[in-house]
Amino acid sequence: MENETVTMLENLNLVDRFLFDETMENREAYEAAVSILLENETKLLDKSETEKEFRISPQLREVRLDVVSMDSGKKIYYTEMQQKNTGNLRKRSRYYQAHIDVSLLEPGSRDFNTLNDSCFILIAPFDIFGKGLCRYTFEGTCRECPGLKLGDGAIRIFINTRGKNRTDFSEEFLDFIDYVTNSSAEIASRTKSKKIKLIHKQVQKIKKSEKMGVKYMQRWEELAEARDEGLAEGRSKGLAEGRSEGLAKGRSEGEERKLIKLICKKLCKGKPMEEIAEDLEEELEEIERICKAAKDFEPDYDCDRIYARLHEKQ
C-alpha cells in the first residue's frame, strides 16, 4: 500500500488540486507563483492559507478557496486551480468575490474605503472564454468611456495554460504554465526561472513525504472505494456478455456507477447540482443528466435503478 501511495502521489501535477494546495501552502512557493502569473514582483506577508472556508451566514452556501494570502499593502490574493470546466466558473468567481468582500469588513464598519484590494486568480488547462488567450484580466470599466476604470480595487484573472498568444508573455510565464500541467524534473531543469525551481523543490518535497502520501490517500479514500466497487460490479456484469467486449463494457459501466453513487451521496446531503459538479470536478451537463434520472428515486436513491433508467432507451 505504501508503494502504491508514493506512486500515485508521484504522478500528480500542479493542475491536481491536492498537489497545488499543499505546494502553495508554502509562502515562498505561492509568492513565486503569483509573481509569475501577474508578471509583477509580489511580496506576501504571511503563510498562505489553503482550503480556506468562508460562510457569511448559516443559511447560505459556504465557499472554499484553494489558496489565500495578503501582500504588504494588504491586498488579498486568492487562487483556484480548476481541472475541469463545470460551466459555472464566471458566476462562481463573482460569488467568491462577494464572500471575500463581506468577510473583510468588521461588523458595524461604516467606511467602505477600508475594504482591501483583491485579486482573484483561476488557473485552468482550458479556455473559458474561447479567445485563445493565455491570460484574461478583468477590471470594472465604463461602457461609455472605455478608458475610465471603476477603481474599486477588485481584479479577476483567468489563466489558460493552453493559450495560443505565447509571444505576448515572458519566458518564465510560459515555462510555468507548462509546468502546471507537467510538473516534471525535465520542465524544471530546462527553465532559467529561479521561482519555478523553488516551486519544483517544494513539489518534490511533498511527493517524497510519507506523511503527504498518507494524507493524499485519506483525502481520496471515498473516491477510491466507490471506484473499486463500481469497477468490480461493472466487470462482473460485462464478463457475462463476453470476455474482451464484456471487460471493456464493464470498465465504462463501472466508472458511471461510481459517479452515480457519489452524486447520490451528495444529493442526500441536499447539495445543488452546481456544487456537486464543482466538488467532483465533472461537467455540469453530465451531473444534470444523472440528477434528472435520480429525481424519480428520491429520497432513497437506488443506484442500480438510476443506472437502468439512464440506459433504458438504449
Protein backbone atom coordinates (compact mmCIF):
# COMPACT_ATOMS: atom_id res chain seq x y z
CA MET A 1 0.00 0.00 0.00
CA GLU A 2 2.89 2.34 0.83
CA ASN A 3 4.50 1.94 -2.60
CA GLU A 4 1.14 2.42 -4.30
CA THR A 5 0.59 5.63 -2.34
CA VAL A 6 4.00 7.03 -3.31
CA THR A 7 3.46 6.12 -6.97
CA MET A 8 0.06 7.80 -7.10
CA LEU A 9 1.33 10.96 -5.45
CA GLU A 10 4.41 10.96 -7.65
CA ASN A 11 2.21 11.08 -10.76
CA LEU A 12 0.37 14.25 -9.74
CA ASN A 13 0.93 17.62 -11.43
CA LEU A 14 0.19 21.09 -10.08
CA VAL A 15 -3.06 21.07 -12.04
CA ASP A 16 -4.24 18.47 -9.49
CA ARG A 17 -5.82 20.38 -6.62
CA PHE A 18 -4.25 18.30 -3.85
CA LEU A 19 -0.68 18.93 -5.00
CA PHE A 20 -1.42 22.58 -5.79
CA ASP A 21 -2.85 23.28 -2.33
CA GLU A 22 -0.06 21.50 -0.48
CA THR A 23 2.62 23.23 -2.55
CA MET A 24 1.13 26.71 -2.28
CA GLU A 25 0.77 26.40 1.49
CA ASN A 26 4.43 27.35 1.44
CA ARG A 27 4.57 31.17 1.40
CA GLU A 28 7.62 31.37 -0.86
CA ALA A 29 6.09 28.99 -3.40
CA TYR A 30 2.79 30.89 -3.54
CA GLU A 31 4.63 34.21 -3.72
CA ALA A 32 6.63 32.89 -6.67
CA ALA A 33 3.52 31.59 -8.45
CA VAL A 34 1.60 34.86 -8.05
CA SER A 35 4.60 36.90 -9.20
CA ILE A 36 4.98 34.74 -12.31
CA LEU A 37 1.30 34.74 -13.27
CA LEU A 38 0.93 38.51 -12.81
CA GLU A 39 4.41 39.16 -14.27
CA ASN A 40 4.94 41.50 -11.34
CA GLU A 41 7.05 41.00 -8.21
CA THR A 42 4.70 40.33 -5.29
CA LYS A 43 5.76 40.11 -1.65
CA LEU A 44 3.36 38.22 0.61
CA LEU A 45 3.24 38.79 4.35
CA ASP A 46 2.24 35.55 5.98
CA LYS A 47 1.96 31.84 5.35
CA SER A 48 -0.69 31.03 2.77
CA GLU A 49 -4.00 29.59 3.92
CA THR A 50 -5.23 26.63 1.88
CA GLU A 51 -8.79 25.31 1.58
CA LYS A 52 -9.97 28.36 3.50
CA GLU A 53 -13.72 28.34 4.12
CA PHE A 54 -15.97 31.41 4.07
CA ARG A 55 -19.57 31.35 5.23
CA ILE A 56 -21.29 34.68 5.88
CA SER A 57 -24.48 33.04 7.15
CA PRO A 58 -25.51 29.50 8.22
CA GLN A 59 -28.33 29.71 5.66
CA LEU A 60 -26.01 30.50 2.76
CA ARG A 61 -23.66 28.25 0.87
CA GLU A 62 -20.05 28.36 2.00
CA VAL A 63 -17.15 28.83 -0.37
CA ARG A 64 -13.81 27.09 -0.10
CA LEU A 65 -10.79 28.76 -1.66
CA ASP A 66 -7.68 26.81 -2.62
CA VAL A 67 -5.11 29.41 -1.53
CA VAL A 68 -5.42 32.82 0.15
CA SER A 69 -2.72 35.29 1.21
CA MET A 70 -2.03 39.03 1.59
CA ASP A 71 0.78 41.32 0.44
CA SER A 72 2.48 44.18 2.28
CA GLY A 73 -0.17 46.61 1.01
CA LYS A 74 -2.90 44.37 2.49
CA LYS A 75 -4.09 43.32 -0.93
CA ILE A 76 -5.78 39.91 -0.86
CA TYR A 77 -4.76 37.23 -3.35
CA TYR A 78 -6.97 34.17 -3.69
CA THR A 79 -6.29 31.46 -6.21
CA GLU A 80 -8.22 28.47 -7.56
CA MET A 81 -6.91 25.52 -9.54
CA GLN A 82 -9.66 24.14 -11.79
CA GLN A 83 -9.04 20.93 -13.71
CA LYS A 84 -12.43 20.59 -15.44
CA ASN A 85 -14.86 23.09 -16.90
CA THR A 86 -18.02 22.91 -14.77
CA GLY A 87 -19.75 25.56 -16.88
CA ASN A 88 -20.24 27.99 -14.00
CA LEU A 89 -16.78 29.44 -13.45
CA ARG A 90 -17.61 33.04 -14.43
CA LYS A 91 -20.51 33.24 -11.97
CA ARG A 92 -18.56 31.31 -9.36
CA SER A 93 -15.78 33.91 -9.44
CA ARG A 94 -18.41 36.58 -8.78
CA TYR A 95 -19.77 34.63 -5.80
CA TYR A 96 -16.28 34.17 -4.39
CA GLN A 97 -15.64 37.89 -4.75
CA ALA A 98 -18.78 38.67 -2.76
CA HIS A 99 -17.82 36.33 0.08
CA ILE A 100 -14.30 37.72 0.28
CA ASP A 101 -15.57 41.31 0.37
CA VAL A 102 -18.12 40.66 3.11
CA SER A 103 -15.54 38.88 5.25
CA LEU A 104 -13.09 41.81 5.06
CA LEU A 105 -15.28 44.41 6.79
CA GLU A 106 -15.75 44.36 10.54
CA PRO A 107 -19.36 44.39 11.83
CA GLY A 108 -20.55 47.98 12.11
CA SER A 109 -17.84 49.33 9.83
CA ARG A 110 -19.04 52.47 8.00
CA ASP A 111 -16.03 53.28 5.83
CA PHE A 112 -16.09 51.16 2.69
CA ASN A 113 -12.74 52.63 1.66
CA THR A 114 -11.14 50.32 4.23
CA LEU A 115 -12.09 47.37 2.03
CA ASN A 116 -8.92 45.63 0.90
CA ASP A 117 -7.96 45.46 -2.75
CA SER A 118 -8.28 41.91 -4.05
CA CYS A 119 -7.00 39.75 -6.89
CA PHE A 120 -8.74 36.51 -7.85
CA ILE A 121 -6.69 34.11 -10.00
CA LEU A 122 -8.23 31.00 -11.57
CA ILE A 123 -5.83 28.59 -13.29
CA ALA A 124 -7.21 26.04 -15.75
CA PRO A 125 -5.95 23.80 -18.59
CA PHE A 126 -8.77 25.01 -20.84
CA ASP A 127 -10.11 28.24 -22.31
CA ILE A 128 -13.21 29.55 -20.50
CA PHE A 129 -13.75 32.40 -22.96
CA GLY A 130 -12.72 30.76 -26.24
CA LYS A 131 -10.46 33.56 -27.44
CA GLY A 132 -7.22 31.59 -27.32
CA LEU A 133 -5.51 33.83 -24.75
CA CYS A 134 -3.16 32.65 -22.02
CA ARG A 135 -4.45 35.24 -19.56
CA TYR A 136 -7.70 37.20 -19.23
CA THR A 137 -7.71 40.14 -16.80
CA PHE A 138 -10.99 41.78 -15.79
CA GLU A 139 -11.39 45.15 -14.09
CA GLY A 140 -14.52 47.29 -13.96
CA THR A 141 -14.63 49.75 -16.89
CA CYS A 142 -17.22 52.21 -18.15
CA ARG A 143 -19.11 51.22 -21.31
CA GLU A 144 -19.49 54.85 -22.39
CA CYS A 145 -15.89 55.76 -21.52
CA PRO A 146 -13.78 52.61 -22.11
CA GLY A 147 -10.69 54.30 -20.70
CA LEU A 148 -12.44 55.01 -17.40
CA LYS A 149 -11.90 52.31 -14.78
CA LEU A 150 -14.22 51.81 -11.83
CA GLY A 151 -11.24 51.66 -9.50
CA ASP A 152 -12.93 49.56 -6.83
CA GLY A 153 -9.74 47.57 -6.22
CA ALA A 154 -11.09 44.22 -7.45
CA ILE A 155 -9.39 42.26 -10.23
CA ARG A 156 -10.32 38.83 -11.59
CA ILE A 157 -7.76 36.92 -13.67
CA PHE A 158 -8.26 33.68 -15.59
CA ILE A 159 -5.18 31.71 -16.70
CA ASN A 160 -5.50 29.33 -19.64
CA THR A 161 -2.46 27.03 -19.76
CA ARG A 162 -3.38 26.06 -23.34
CA GLY A 163 -3.37 29.65 -24.63
CA LYS A 164 -2.03 30.45 -28.12
CA ASN A 165 -0.72 34.03 -27.78
CA ARG A 166 2.57 32.90 -26.26
CA THR A 167 4.61 35.70 -27.84
CA ASP A 168 2.84 38.19 -25.55
CA PHE A 169 4.34 36.71 -22.39
CA SER A 170 7.68 36.26 -20.67
CA GLU A 171 9.63 33.02 -20.93
CA GLU A 172 9.13 32.50 -17.20
CA PHE A 173 5.34 32.79 -17.51
CA LEU A 174 5.28 30.30 -20.40
CA ASP A 175 7.54 27.85 -18.58
CA PHE A 176 5.30 27.98 -15.54
CA ILE A 177 2.01 27.31 -17.36
CA ASP A 178 3.76 24.35 -18.98
CA TYR A 179 4.95 23.19 -15.57
CA VAL A 180 1.40 23.39 -14.16
CA THR A 181 0.23 20.54 -16.41
CA ASN A 182 3.56 18.68 -16.45
CA SER A 183 5.28 19.14 -13.10
CA SER A 184 8.31 17.09 -14.05
CA ALA A 185 12.01 17.42 -13.32
CA GLU A 186 12.57 17.82 -17.07
CA ILE A 187 10.48 21.00 -17.26
CA ALA A 188 12.03 22.35 -14.05
CA SER A 189 15.59 21.67 -15.21
CA ARG A 190 15.29 23.39 -18.58
CA THR A 191 13.82 26.65 -17.23
CA LYS A 192 16.02 29.56 -16.20
CA SER A 193 13.46 30.72 -13.65
CA LYS A 194 14.59 30.53 -10.03
CA LYS A 195 10.97 30.89 -8.96
CA ILE A 196 9.89 27.76 -10.87
CA LYS A 197 12.86 25.84 -9.48
CA LEU A 198 11.81 26.92 -5.98
CA ILE A 199 8.25 25.71 -6.63
CA HIS A 200 9.57 22.42 -8.04
CA LYS A 201 11.69 21.90 -4.94
CA GLN A 202 8.54 22.19 -2.82
CA VAL A 203 6.67 19.83 -5.17
CA GLN A 204 9.41 17.22 -4.85
CA LYS A 205 9.42 17.59 -1.07
CA ILE A 206 5.68 16.85 -0.97
CA LYS A 207 5.89 13.91 -3.37
CA LYS A 208 8.64 12.27 -1.29
CA SER A 209 6.86 12.83 2.03
CA GLU A 210 5.36 9.70 3.57
CA LYS A 211 3.02 11.92 5.60
CA MET A 212 1.74 13.59 2.42
CA GLY A 213 1.27 10.17 0.83
CA VAL A 214 -0.98 9.09 3.70
CA LYS A 215 -2.87 12.40 3.60
CA TYR A 216 -3.45 12.02 -0.13
CA MET A 217 -4.83 8.52 0.31
CA GLN A 218 -7.11 9.62 3.13
CA ARG A 219 -8.39 12.58 1.12
CA TRP A 220 -9.47 10.39 -1.76
CA GLU A 221 -10.44 7.26 0.17
CA GLU A 222 -14.13 7.70 -0.60
CA LEU A 223 -13.49 8.17 -4.31
CA ALA A 224 -11.20 5.15 -4.47
CA GLU A 225 -13.67 2.93 -2.62
CA ALA A 226 -16.54 3.92 -4.88
CA ARG A 227 -14.37 3.45 -7.97
CA ASP A 228 -13.31 -0.04 -6.96
CA GLU A 229 -16.86 -1.08 -6.12
CA GLY A 230 -18.15 0.29 -9.40
CA LEU A 231 -15.41 -1.32 -11.49
CA ALA A 232 -15.86 -4.70 -9.81
CA GLU A 233 -19.60 -4.66 -10.37
CA GLY A 234 -19.24 -3.46 -13.94
CA ARG A 235 -16.64 -6.07 -14.82
CA SER A 236 -18.75 -8.83 -13.31
CA LYS A 237 -21.74 -7.90 -15.45
CA GLY A 238 -19.59 -7.28 -18.51
CA LEU A 239 -17.91 -10.70 -18.37
CA ALA A 240 -21.27 -12.38 -18.71
CA GLU A 241 -21.55 -10.89 -22.21
CA GLY A 242 -18.18 -12.00 -23.49
CA ARG A 243 -14.55 -11.83 -22.44
CA SER A 244 -12.93 -8.87 -24.24
CA GLU A 245 -16.12 -7.00 -25.10
CA GLY A 246 -17.50 -7.56 -21.62
CA LEU A 247 -14.37 -6.23 -19.92
CA ALA A 248 -14.44 -3.06 -21.99
CA LYS A 249 -18.10 -2.52 -21.23
CA GLY A 250 -17.53 -3.34 -17.57
CA ARG A 251 -14.93 -0.62 -17.22
CA SER A 252 -17.14 2.11 -18.65
CA GLU A 253 -20.18 0.91 -16.74
CA GLY A 254 -18.18 0.72 -13.54
CA GLU A 255 -16.97 4.29 -13.91
CA GLU A 256 -20.52 5.52 -14.49
CA ARG A 257 -21.85 3.58 -11.49
CA LYS A 258 -19.11 5.11 -9.37
CA LEU A 259 -20.16 8.59 -10.42
CA ILE A 260 -23.86 7.83 -9.77
CA LYS A 261 -23.02 6.63 -6.27
CA LEU A 262 -21.02 9.75 -5.45
CA ILE A 263 -23.74 12.03 -6.81
CA CYS A 264 -26.43 10.25 -4.78
CA LYS A 265 -24.42 10.73 -1.59
CA LYS A 266 -24.23 14.43 -2.23
CA LEU A 267 -27.92 14.66 -3.17
CA CYS A 268 -28.75 13.08 0.20
CA LYS A 269 -26.88 15.97 1.82
CA GLY A 270 -29.00 18.46 -0.11
CA LYS A 271 -26.21 19.76 -2.33
CA PRO A 272 -27.25 21.54 -5.55
CA MET A 273 -26.09 20.31 -8.96
CA GLU A 274 -23.63 23.17 -9.47
CA GLU A 275 -21.89 22.38 -6.18
CA ILE A 276 -21.80 18.66 -6.98
CA ALA A 277 -20.17 19.40 -10.34
CA GLU A 278 -17.63 21.58 -8.58
CA ASP A 279 -16.88 19.03 -5.84
CA LEU A 280 -16.47 16.12 -8.26
CA GLU A 281 -14.85 18.24 -10.98
CA GLU A 282 -17.27 16.90 -13.58
CA GLU A 283 -19.07 18.64 -16.43
CA LEU A 284 -22.30 20.25 -15.25
CA GLU A 285 -24.19 18.71 -18.18
CA GLU A 286 -23.25 15.18 -17.04
CA ILE A 287 -24.27 15.94 -13.44
CA GLU A 288 -27.63 17.30 -14.63
CA ARG A 289 -28.24 14.15 -16.71
CA ILE A 290 -27.74 11.86 -13.71
CA CYS A 291 -29.59 14.10 -11.25
CA LYS A 292 -32.60 14.16 -13.56
CA ALA A 293 -32.70 10.36 -13.62
CA ALA A 294 -32.16 10.18 -9.85
CA LYS A 295 -35.06 12.51 -9.07
CA ASP A 296 -37.64 9.72 -9.55
CA PHE A 297 -35.97 7.67 -6.81
CA GLU A 298 -35.52 10.29 -4.07
CA PRO A 299 -35.04 10.24 -1.13
CA ASP A 300 -33.89 6.58 -1.06
CA TYR A 301 -31.70 6.67 -4.13
CA ASP A 302 -31.23 3.27 -5.76
CA CYS A 303 -28.05 3.44 -7.83
CA ASP A 304 -28.87 0.31 -9.85
CA ARG A 305 -32.30 1.63 -10.84
CA ILE A 306 -30.85 5.04 -11.67
CA TYR A 307 -28.26 3.41 -13.92
CA ALA A 308 -31.02 1.36 -15.58
CA ARG A 309 -33.13 4.48 -16.09
CA LEU A 310 -30.23 6.24 -17.79
CA HIS A 311 -29.82 3.37 -20.24
CA GLU A 312 -33.38 2.11 -20.65
CA LYS A 313 -33.74 3.71 -24.09
CA GLN A 314 -30.55 2.02 -25.23
